[in-house]
Amino acid sequence: MEKLNNYIDGKSVAPSSGQYSSIIDPTNGRPYIEVPLSRGEDIDAACLAAQRAFRTWRRTTPGERSLLLFRIADALEARADELVAAEVRNTGKPLNFMRDAEFPGVLEYLRFYAAAARDLRGLAGGSFVAGHESTVRREPVGVCGQVAPWNYPLAMGVWKFGPALAAGNTVVLKPSDTTPVSTLLAASIIGEILPPGVLNVVAGDRDTGRALVSHRIPRLISVTGSERAGVEVSSAAATDLKRVSLELGGKAPVLVFGDADIDKAVAGIAEAGFLNAGQDCEAATRVLVADTIHDEFVSRLVAAAQATEYGTDPDAAYGALNSAAHLAKVEGFLERLPAHATVLTGGKADRTGGGYFFEPTVISGVEQADEIVQEEVFGPVITVQKFSSEDEAVEMANDVRFGLAAGVWTASHDRVLRVGDALDFGKVWVNCHLVVASEMPNTGYKHSGHGNDMSVFAIEEYTRLKHVMTAVAPA
């Protein structure tokens, strides 16, 4: 079986322990490649390499970093077929979606960070004390430890290292233990462009991630993952007073008001609820519908779910779930449904060919306190609740501990302004869902974390401010 290695200090490096773990193809449940099971020695080597590289990388100009990031995007684009194939096999995503939608986004993000690197600046001087002039410098933080998730391995890897490198930091990135393949391949391509040690990729399990978070060298830790991971990372980072940026779970409410275009709402919600098998923190999986259109909306949503194709076909709407363990987790939510909830369509796993598939599912009759309403399922499961007033809809939407994203479907501009202000979420879509712009921030509230992974605010996340005051001699 083929073996991949870590990428440290500009070289392909075997794990110090000699241990590897098998990566499973989620479409058939069979192992097909081995990756390093890295330990503390590997993290130490990567962090030391990043620390050495930072001494010179931090002195590069924004223009130099911008040019290198553009070259990285071009190099990845030139190897698109390999990267797409690696991601598809590792994640079980449909080929056409990965090739035509997700991978172009990877390049778009990189090119945005490349351009934005040249627009990072401090504040112009000012005289706030007589005889003294002040300026504010914006400087890189240093070595950044980053942990990427398994649902969008390559894209989220770019969301991590792109702004960090643009700001002049060096990086040690740990991809998910189940989906490291495309990231390791990308690292070898990127390593031909960047100086050694600027970007290091170390594969491994949760213990590997813990070793990175607790290592003495990184001054900032950025993690996209579960709520549990966020709590653990925050606790570990606190012992060394590291800065932390977290993008965690979500439970996105989608409010459909009586004046909404039902056809467009159903189509948009079905697409955004089942995309990537619902394995998206911002997926449209908690739908709140006005009682005046509830029955008609639910009927059409069920039809849309039943028309949604999943599986291994290149044109499928979505593919396999991440792992056997995650499939079992999604199944558990259905097994624990209360008696008052009704599965209108779907609701079962599909292990055709040994794969980890789950049917597109719509559930009605759920109540606000139900587990499936309050907890992140992270699968192709949409719940529908009924509301009778705008205030009730907002109250139900906000009544979860997550605050990542929300959606509103309405024809009323006044309602958009009222509800958009009242929703306690870092992002609100109106008459659309899961539309991403590189120029706009992606941030979460409450238990969805804090920090940014997009826009110039993401680059600022990887900087620190320095005030320089100079005494000015009189003329």
Protein backbone atom coordinates (compact mmCIF):
# COMPACT_ATOMS: atom_id res chain seq x y z
CA MET A 1 0.00 0.00 0.00
CA GLU A 2 1.29 3.47 -0.89
CA LYS A 3 2.71 5.54 1.96
CA LEU A 4 2.69 9.32 2.22
CA ASN A 5 5.02 11.31 4.50
CA ASN A 6 4.93 14.53 6.45
CA TYR A 7 6.25 17.69 4.85
CA ILE A 8 8.73 19.40 7.20
CA ASP A 9 11.37 22.02 6.45
CA GLY A 10 10.95 21.66 2.71
CA LYS A 11 11.32 17.87 2.66
CA SER A 12 9.23 14.72 2.69
CA VAL A 13 9.87 13.24 6.13
CA ALA A 14 8.82 9.86 7.53
CA PRO A 15 7.36 9.84 11.06
CA SER A 16 10.03 9.50 13.72
CA SER A 17 8.23 6.50 15.24
CA GLY A 18 7.93 4.71 11.89
CA GLN A 19 4.19 4.36 12.55
CA TYR A 20 1.55 4.89 9.88
CA SER A 21 -2.23 4.74 9.90
CA SER A 22 -4.53 3.50 7.14
CA ILE A 23 -6.87 5.89 5.38
CA ILE A 24 -10.29 4.53 4.45
CA ASP A 25 -12.16 5.17 1.23
CA PRO A 26 -15.61 6.11 2.62
CA THR A 27 -17.40 4.93 -0.51
CA ASN A 28 -16.44 1.29 0.12
CA GLY A 29 -15.03 1.14 3.65
CA ARG A 30 -11.65 -0.19 2.51
CA PRO A 31 -8.16 1.14 3.32
CA TYR A 32 -6.20 2.36 0.32
CA ILE A 33 -3.23 4.46 1.50
CA GLU A 34 -1.12 5.01 4.63
CA VAL A 35 -0.14 8.30 6.24
CA PRO A 36 2.14 9.16 9.17
CA LEU A 37 0.97 8.71 12.74
CA SER A 38 3.07 11.58 14.01
CA ARG A 39 4.05 12.17 17.60
CA GLY A 40 5.75 14.85 19.68
CA GLU A 41 9.12 14.47 17.96
CA ASP A 42 7.54 15.23 14.58
CA ILE A 43 5.66 18.25 15.90
CA ASP A 44 8.87 19.47 17.53
CA ALA A 45 10.79 19.17 14.25
CA ALA A 46 8.06 21.03 12.34
CA CYS A 47 7.79 23.82 14.93
CA LEU A 48 11.57 24.29 15.03
CA ALA A 49 11.66 24.46 11.23
CA ALA A 50 8.86 27.05 11.25
CA GLN A 51 10.66 29.05 13.93
CA ARG A 52 13.87 29.16 11.88
CA ALA A 53 12.01 30.11 8.73
CA PHE A 54 10.13 32.90 10.50
CA ARG A 55 13.33 34.86 11.06
CA THR A 56 13.59 35.59 7.36
CA TRP A 57 9.99 35.10 6.17
CA ARG A 58 8.72 37.87 8.47
CA ARG A 59 11.11 40.28 6.70
CA THR A 60 9.67 39.62 3.25
CA THR A 61 7.64 42.42 1.79
CA PRO A 62 3.88 42.13 1.22
CA GLY A 63 4.59 42.22 -2.51
CA GLU A 64 6.98 39.27 -2.26
CA ARG A 65 4.51 37.21 -0.24
CA SER A 66 1.71 38.14 -2.62
CA LEU A 67 3.67 36.96 -5.63
CA LEU A 68 4.49 33.62 -4.00
CA LEU A 69 0.85 33.01 -3.05
CA PHE A 70 -0.21 33.71 -6.63
CA ARG A 71 2.42 31.23 -7.81
CA ILE A 72 1.09 28.65 -5.35
CA ALA A 73 -2.42 29.07 -6.75
CA ASP A 74 -1.10 28.63 -10.27
CA ALA A 75 0.87 25.52 -9.25
CA LEU A 76 -2.16 23.93 -7.61
CA GLU A 77 -4.29 24.75 -10.63
CA ALA A 78 -1.74 23.05 -12.87
CA ARG A 79 -2.09 19.89 -10.76
CA ALA A 80 -5.87 20.17 -10.43
CA ASP A 81 -6.64 16.68 -11.71
CA GLU A 82 -4.37 15.04 -9.11
CA LEU A 83 -5.64 17.16 -6.23
CA VAL A 84 -9.29 16.65 -7.15
CA ALA A 85 -8.82 12.91 -7.49
CA ALA A 86 -7.05 12.75 -4.12
CA GLU A 87 -9.82 14.70 -2.40
CA VAL A 88 -12.61 12.69 -4.02
CA ARG A 89 -11.16 9.35 -2.99
CA ASN A 90 -10.34 10.52 0.53
CA THR A 91 -13.70 12.17 1.24
CA GLY A 92 -16.15 10.30 -0.99
CA LYS A 93 -17.38 13.52 -2.60
CA PRO A 94 -18.89 13.46 -6.09
CA LEU A 95 -16.27 14.17 -8.74
CA ASN A 96 -18.12 16.88 -10.61
CA PHE A 97 -18.92 18.91 -7.50
CA MET A 98 -15.32 18.77 -6.33
CA ARG A 99 -13.91 19.63 -9.75
CA ASP A 100 -16.38 22.29 -10.82
CA ALA A 101 -17.35 24.01 -7.57
CA GLU A 102 -15.15 23.25 -4.59
CA PHE A 103 -11.69 23.21 -6.16
CA PRO A 104 -12.17 26.51 -8.05
CA GLY A 105 -13.05 27.96 -4.65
CA VAL A 106 -9.70 26.78 -3.28
CA LEU A 107 -7.91 28.77 -5.98
CA GLU A 108 -10.18 31.78 -5.45
CA TYR A 109 -9.38 31.88 -1.73
CA LEU A 110 -5.64 31.69 -2.35
CA ARG A 111 -5.70 34.44 -4.94
CA PHE A 112 -7.74 36.64 -2.65
CA TYR A 113 -5.19 36.24 0.15
CA ALA A 114 -2.41 36.88 -2.35
CA ALA A 115 -3.99 40.19 -3.34
CA ALA A 116 -4.99 41.17 0.19
CA ALA A 117 -1.43 40.63 1.45
CA ARG A 118 -0.47 43.90 -0.27
CA ASP A 119 -3.15 45.88 1.52
CA LEU A 120 -2.25 45.02 5.11
CA ARG A 121 -1.20 48.14 6.93
CA GLY A 122 -1.05 49.84 10.30
CA LEU A 123 -2.20 53.36 11.14
CA ALA A 124 -0.70 56.61 9.94
CA GLY A 125 1.17 58.76 12.42
CA GLY A 126 -0.45 61.14 14.82
CA SER A 127 0.70 63.58 17.50
CA PHE A 128 -1.09 62.70 20.74
CA VAL A 129 1.57 63.95 23.15
CA ALA A 130 3.30 67.28 22.58
CA GLY A 131 6.67 66.75 20.94
CA HIS A 132 5.99 63.10 20.08
CA GLU A 133 4.73 61.26 17.01
CA SER A 134 2.99 57.87 17.12
CA THR A 135 2.53 55.16 14.52
CA VAL A 136 0.91 51.74 14.80
CA ARG A 137 2.62 48.80 13.12
CA ARG A 138 0.83 45.58 12.22
CA GLU A 139 3.25 42.65 12.56
CA PRO A 140 3.02 38.87 12.10
CA VAL A 141 2.39 36.84 15.25
CA GLY A 142 5.09 34.22 14.59
CA VAL A 143 4.71 30.46 14.23
CA CYS A 144 1.04 29.45 13.90
CA GLY A 145 -0.26 26.00 14.75
CA GLN A 146 -3.33 25.08 12.72
CA VAL A 147 -5.75 22.15 12.77
CA ALA A 148 -8.02 21.68 9.75
CA PRO A 149 -11.28 19.68 9.65
CA TRP A 150 -12.28 16.66 7.58
CA ASN A 151 -15.33 18.03 5.76
CA TYR A 152 -13.43 20.34 3.36
CA PRO A 153 -9.80 19.26 3.78
CA LEU A 154 -8.13 21.21 0.99
CA ALA A 155 -10.34 24.30 1.14
CA MET A 156 -10.11 24.60 4.91
CA GLY A 157 -6.37 24.06 4.75
CA VAL A 158 -6.16 27.10 2.47
CA TRP A 159 -8.46 29.05 4.79
CA LYS A 160 -5.88 28.35 7.49
CA PHE A 161 -2.47 28.81 5.91
CA GLY A 162 -3.47 31.42 3.28
CA PRO A 163 -4.05 34.39 5.60
CA ALA A 164 -1.28 33.30 7.98
CA LEU A 165 1.33 33.29 5.24
CA ALA A 166 -0.02 36.51 3.72
CA ALA A 167 0.55 38.24 7.06
CA GLY A 168 4.16 37.01 7.28
CA ASN A 169 3.75 34.08 9.67
CA THR A 170 5.05 30.55 9.29
CA VAL A 171 2.78 27.54 9.75
CA VAL A 172 2.58 24.03 11.14
CA LEU A 173 -0.66 22.56 9.80
CA LYS A 174 -2.23 19.32 10.96
CA PRO A 175 -4.96 17.98 8.67
CA SER A 176 -7.72 15.72 9.97
CA ASP A 177 -6.72 12.16 10.77
CA THR A 178 -9.31 10.82 8.30
CA THR A 179 -8.72 13.19 5.36
CA PRO A 180 -5.04 14.23 5.11
CA VAL A 181 -4.27 12.99 1.60
CA SER A 182 -4.95 16.08 -0.54
CA THR A 183 -3.27 18.36 2.01
CA LEU A 184 -0.08 16.30 2.03
CA LEU A 185 -0.05 16.31 -1.77
CA ALA A 186 -0.62 20.06 -1.84
CA ALA A 187 2.23 20.59 0.65
CA SER A 188 4.69 18.88 -1.66
CA ILE A 189 3.59 21.14 -4.53
CA ILE A 190 3.70 24.29 -2.40
CA GLY A 191 7.11 23.33 -1.03
CA GLU A 192 8.61 23.80 -4.47
CA ILE A 193 7.70 27.50 -4.25
CA LEU A 194 8.05 28.56 -0.61
CA PRO A 195 11.32 28.68 1.33
CA PRO A 196 11.89 25.61 3.55
CA GLY A 197 10.03 25.68 6.86
CA VAL A 198 7.48 28.34 5.94
CA LEU A 199 4.69 25.74 5.56
CA ASN A 200 4.94 22.39 7.32
CA VAL A 201 2.23 19.70 7.24
CA VAL A 202 2.21 16.96 9.86
CA ALA A 203 -0.38 14.15 9.75
CA GLY A 204 -1.65 12.25 12.75
CA ASP A 205 -4.48 11.69 15.21
CA ARG A 206 -5.92 13.68 18.11
CA ASP A 207 -2.79 13.15 20.17
CA THR A 208 -0.81 14.74 17.35
CA GLY A 209 -3.12 17.74 17.44
CA ARG A 210 -2.78 18.00 21.21
CA ALA A 211 1.02 17.97 20.87
CA LEU A 212 0.81 20.87 18.40
CA VAL A 213 -1.58 22.91 20.54
CA SER A 214 0.54 22.49 23.66
CA HIS A 215 3.93 22.99 21.97
CA ARG A 216 5.92 25.93 23.33
CA ILE A 217 6.76 27.51 19.94
CA PRO A 218 3.42 28.42 18.26
CA ARG A 219 2.02 31.74 19.47
CA LEU A 220 -1.36 31.33 17.81
CA ILE A 221 -3.54 28.24 17.44
CA SER A 222 -6.30 28.15 14.83
CA VAL A 223 -8.74 25.24 14.82
CA THR A 224 -11.79 24.37 12.78
CA GLY A 225 -13.56 21.47 14.41
CA SER A 226 -16.12 20.37 16.94
CA GLU A 227 -17.32 22.23 20.00
CA ARG A 228 -15.49 19.65 22.13
CA ALA A 229 -12.25 20.30 20.26
CA GLY A 230 -12.65 24.03 20.82
CA VAL A 231 -12.98 23.59 24.57
CA GLU A 232 -9.92 21.32 24.71
CA VAL A 233 -7.83 23.64 22.57
CA SER A 234 -8.79 26.70 24.58
CA SER A 235 -7.91 24.97 27.83
CA ALA A 236 -4.55 23.72 26.54
CA ALA A 237 -3.60 27.03 24.94
CA ALA A 238 -4.46 28.94 28.11
CA THR A 239 -1.58 27.34 30.01
CA ASP A 240 0.87 29.12 27.67
CA LEU A 241 -1.31 32.18 26.98
CA LYS A 242 -1.44 31.43 23.26
CA ARG A 243 -3.89 33.29 21.08
CA VAL A 244 -6.70 31.09 19.82
CA SER A 245 -8.98 31.33 16.77
CA LEU A 246 -11.85 28.86 16.67
CA GLU A 247 -14.44 27.99 14.04
CA LEU A 248 -16.60 25.32 15.64
CA GLY A 249 -20.00 23.73 15.22
CA GLY A 250 -23.20 25.26 14.02
CA LYS A 251 -26.93 24.71 13.99
CA ALA A 252 -28.05 27.12 11.31
CA PRO A 253 -31.69 28.17 11.48
CA VAL A 254 -33.45 28.99 8.22
CA LEU A 255 -36.52 31.18 8.69
CA VAL A 256 -39.09 30.88 5.89
CA PHE A 257 -41.79 33.55 6.16
CA GLY A 258 -45.24 33.44 4.61
CA ASP A 259 -44.35 35.88 1.83
CA ALA A 260 -41.33 33.86 0.65
CA ASP A 261 -41.10 32.39 -2.83
CA ILE A 262 -41.73 28.77 -1.80
CA ASP A 263 -40.25 27.20 -4.91
CA LYS A 264 -36.98 29.10 -4.56
CA ALA A 265 -36.87 28.54 -0.80
CA VAL A 266 -37.38 24.78 -1.13
CA ALA A 267 -34.78 24.45 -3.87
CA GLY A 268 -32.22 26.57 -2.02
CA ILE A 269 -32.75 24.87 1.33
CA ALA A 270 -32.66 21.35 -0.10
CA GLU A 271 -29.41 22.11 -1.89
CA ALA A 272 -27.83 23.80 1.15
CA GLY A 273 -29.10 21.16 3.56
CA PHE A 274 -27.84 18.14 1.66
CA LEU A 275 -24.66 19.63 0.17
CA ASN A 276 -21.60 17.60 1.17
CA ALA A 277 -23.97 15.13 2.84
CA GLY A 278 -24.91 17.85 5.34
CA GLN A 279 -21.35 17.82 6.65
CA ASP A 280 -21.12 21.59 6.82
CA CYS A 281 -21.30 23.72 9.98
CA GLU A 282 -23.49 26.21 8.11
CA ALA A 283 -25.79 23.68 6.41
CA ALA A 284 -29.48 24.60 6.15
CA THR A 285 -30.66 21.77 8.36
CA ARG A 286 -32.93 23.52 10.95
CA VAL A 287 -35.85 25.02 9.07
CA LEU A 288 -38.47 27.23 10.72
CA VAL A 289 -41.55 27.82 8.58
CA ALA A 290 -44.53 30.17 8.96
CA ASP A 291 -47.67 28.25 9.89
CA THR A 292 -49.54 29.78 6.93
CA ILE A 293 -47.35 27.94 4.41
CA HIS A 294 -46.02 25.10 6.56
CA ASP A 295 -47.88 22.18 5.02
CA GLU A 296 -47.27 23.24 1.42
CA PHE A 297 -43.58 23.93 2.14
CA VAL A 298 -43.04 20.58 3.84
CA SER A 299 -44.72 18.70 1.02
CA ARG A 300 -42.45 20.32 -1.55
CA LEU A 301 -39.34 19.88 0.60
CA VAL A 302 -40.05 16.16 0.93
CA ALA A 303 -40.37 15.90 -2.86
CA ALA A 304 -37.08 17.77 -3.28
CA ALA A 305 -35.37 15.41 -0.83
CA GLN A 306 -36.70 12.37 -2.63
CA ALA A 307 -35.35 13.76 -5.90
CA THR A 308 -31.88 14.34 -4.44
CA GLU A 309 -29.41 11.78 -5.76
CA TYR A 310 -26.52 10.59 -3.63
CA GLY A 311 -23.81 7.98 -4.07
CA THR A 312 -20.71 7.46 -6.20
CA ASP A 313 -22.01 8.83 -9.48
CA PRO A 314 -19.91 11.85 -10.56
CA ASP A 315 -23.09 13.92 -10.91
CA ALA A 316 -24.57 12.98 -7.52
CA ALA A 317 -25.67 15.81 -5.22
CA TYR A 318 -23.62 14.35 -2.39
CA GLY A 319 -21.49 11.35 -1.55
CA ALA A 320 -20.47 9.35 1.48
CA LEU A 321 -20.22 10.42 5.09
CA ASN A 322 -16.74 10.73 6.52
CA SER A 323 -16.37 7.45 8.39
CA ALA A 324 -18.10 4.46 9.91
CA ALA A 325 -18.01 6.20 13.28
CA HIS A 326 -19.64 9.33 11.90
CA LEU A 327 -22.31 7.33 10.08
CA ALA A 328 -23.13 5.61 13.37
CA LYS A 329 -23.36 9.02 15.05
CA VAL A 330 -25.89 10.26 12.49
CA GLU A 331 -27.87 7.02 12.82
CA GLY A 332 -27.96 7.55 16.57
CA PHE A 333 -29.87 10.81 16.21
CA LEU A 334 -32.58 9.00 14.24
CA GLU A 335 -32.71 6.11 16.69
CA ARG A 336 -33.24 8.53 19.59
CA LEU A 337 -35.99 10.58 17.94
CA PRO A 338 -38.88 11.28 20.32
CA ALA A 339 -42.30 9.82 19.54
CA HIS A 340 -43.73 13.20 18.52
CA ALA A 341 -41.25 13.53 15.63
CA THR A 342 -42.08 12.11 12.21
CA VAL A 343 -39.58 11.00 9.57
CA LEU A 344 -41.26 12.07 6.34
CA THR A 345 -38.60 10.64 4.03
CA GLY A 346 -35.23 8.96 4.38
CA GLY A 347 -33.96 8.33 7.88
CA LYS A 348 -31.72 5.33 7.18
CA ALA A 349 -28.11 4.52 6.44
CA ASP A 350 -27.20 3.05 3.07
CA ARG A 351 -24.16 0.78 3.22
CA THR A 352 -24.22 -0.16 -0.45
CA GLY A 353 -20.84 -1.54 -1.40
CA GLY A 354 -19.60 -1.11 2.15
CA GLY A 355 -19.82 2.69 1.92
CA TYR A 356 -20.95 5.20 4.53
CA PHE A 357 -24.03 6.74 2.90
CA PHE A 358 -27.17 8.20 4.46
CA GLU A 359 -30.47 8.92 2.77
CA PRO A 360 -31.66 12.53 2.32
CA THR A 361 -33.94 12.96 5.30
CA VAL A 362 -36.73 15.35 6.32
CA ILE A 363 -38.24 15.27 9.83
CA SER A 364 -41.27 17.22 11.04
CA GLY A 365 -43.03 17.54 14.38
CA VAL A 366 -39.84 18.22 16.32
CA GLU A 367 -39.85 20.50 19.35
CA GLN A 368 -37.35 23.13 20.43
CA ALA A 369 -35.89 21.11 23.30
CA ASP A 370 -35.33 17.97 21.19
CA GLU A 371 -31.77 16.72 20.82
CA ILE A 372 -31.99 16.81 17.03
CA VAL A 373 -32.91 20.52 17.17
CA GLN A 374 -30.27 21.49 19.71
CA GLU A 375 -27.29 19.37 18.60
CA GLU A 376 -25.34 19.35 15.36
CA VAL A 377 -26.16 16.21 13.36
CA PHE A 378 -23.66 16.91 10.57
CA GLY A 379 -25.51 14.71 8.13
CA PRO A 380 -28.12 15.02 5.35
CA VAL A 381 -30.95 15.55 7.83
CA ILE A 382 -33.33 18.53 7.73
CA THR A 383 -35.80 19.23 10.56
CA VAL A 384 -38.85 21.46 10.12
CA GLN A 385 -40.60 23.47 12.85
CA LYS A 386 -43.62 25.76 12.67
CA PHE A 387 -43.88 29.38 13.91
CA SER A 388 -46.77 31.84 14.02
CA SER A 389 -45.03 35.22 14.37
CA GLU A 390 -41.77 36.98 13.53
CA ASP A 391 -40.84 37.30 17.19
CA GLU A 392 -41.44 33.61 17.79
CA ALA A 393 -39.32 32.70 14.77
CA VAL A 394 -36.40 34.80 16.01
CA GLU A 395 -36.71 33.41 19.53
CA MET A 396 -36.66 29.82 18.24
CA ALA A 397 -33.76 30.57 15.91
CA ASN A 398 -31.61 32.03 18.69
CA ASP A 399 -32.52 29.33 21.21
CA VAL A 400 -29.44 27.15 20.59
CA ARG A 401 -25.93 27.56 21.97
CA PHE A 402 -24.41 27.87 18.49
CA GLY A 403 -24.17 31.09 16.51
CA LEU A 404 -22.38 30.50 13.23
CA ALA A 405 -24.88 31.17 10.43
CA ALA A 406 -28.58 31.67 9.72
CA GLY A 407 -30.85 32.16 6.73
CA VAL A 408 -33.97 34.23 6.05
CA TRP A 409 -36.41 33.78 3.18
CA THR A 410 -38.84 36.67 2.72
CA ALA A 411 -40.00 39.30 0.23
CA SER A 412 -40.05 42.05 2.88
CA HIS A 413 -37.05 44.37 3.04
CA ASP A 414 -38.19 45.73 6.40
CA ARG A 415 -38.30 42.21 7.79
CA VAL A 416 -34.79 41.53 6.49
CA LEU A 417 -33.50 44.51 8.44
CA ARG A 418 -35.37 43.63 11.63
CA VAL A 419 -34.64 39.93 11.63
CA GLY A 420 -31.08 40.29 10.39
CA ASP A 421 -30.35 42.53 13.36
CA ALA A 422 -32.10 40.24 15.86
CA LEU A 423 -30.48 36.95 14.80
CA ASP A 424 -27.52 36.08 17.06
CA PHE A 425 -25.31 34.59 14.35
CA GLY A 426 -22.08 35.67 12.69
CA LYS A 427 -23.51 35.36 9.18
CA VAL A 428 -27.04 35.82 7.84
CA TRP A 429 -28.06 34.85 4.31
CA VAL A 430 -31.19 36.37 2.77
CA ASN A 431 -33.04 34.41 0.07
CA CYS A 432 -29.96 32.26 -0.45
CA HIS A 433 -27.72 29.95 1.59
CA LEU A 434 -24.10 28.75 1.58
CA VAL A 435 -23.01 31.49 -0.82
CA VAL A 436 -19.39 32.39 0.01
CA ALA A 437 -17.41 35.50 -0.89
CA SER A 438 -13.69 35.66 -0.13
CA GLU A 439 -14.02 39.35 0.67
CA MET A 440 -16.54 38.78 3.48
CA PRO A 441 -15.77 37.57 7.03
CA ASN A 442 -16.69 34.12 8.29
CA THR A 443 -17.09 34.32 12.04
CA GLY A 444 -19.07 32.62 14.77
CA TYR A 445 -20.78 33.65 17.99
CA LYS A 446 -21.36 31.78 21.25
CA HIS A 447 -20.27 28.11 21.11
CA SER A 448 -19.49 28.41 17.41
CA GLY A 449 -16.20 30.02 18.35
CA HIS A 450 -14.51 33.33 17.61
CA GLY A 451 -12.11 34.72 15.03
CA ASN A 452 -12.29 34.92 11.24
CA ASP A 453 -11.33 32.60 8.40
CA MET A 454 -12.12 34.83 5.42
CA SER A 455 -11.66 38.44 4.23
CA VAL A 456 -8.99 40.91 5.31
CA PHE A 457 -10.17 40.30 8.86
CA ALA A 458 -8.72 36.79 8.62
CA ILE A 459 -5.32 38.22 7.75
CA GLU A 460 -5.59 40.69 10.63
CA GLU A 461 -6.31 37.70 12.87
CA TYR A 462 -2.74 36.60 12.24
CA THR A 463 -1.17 39.92 13.19
CA ARG A 464 -0.34 41.83 16.36
CA LEU A 465 -0.25 45.59 16.85
CA LYS A 466 2.78 47.58 17.96
CA HIS A 467 2.74 51.25 18.95
CA VAL A 468 5.94 53.15 18.13
CA MET A 469 6.29 56.60 19.73
CA THR A 470 9.13 58.86 18.69
CA ALA A 471 10.28 62.03 20.44
CA VAL A 472 10.64 64.80 17.87
CA ALA A 473 13.30 67.45 18.48
CA PRO A 474 12.09 71.03 18.03
CA ALA A 475 13.21 72.82 14.90
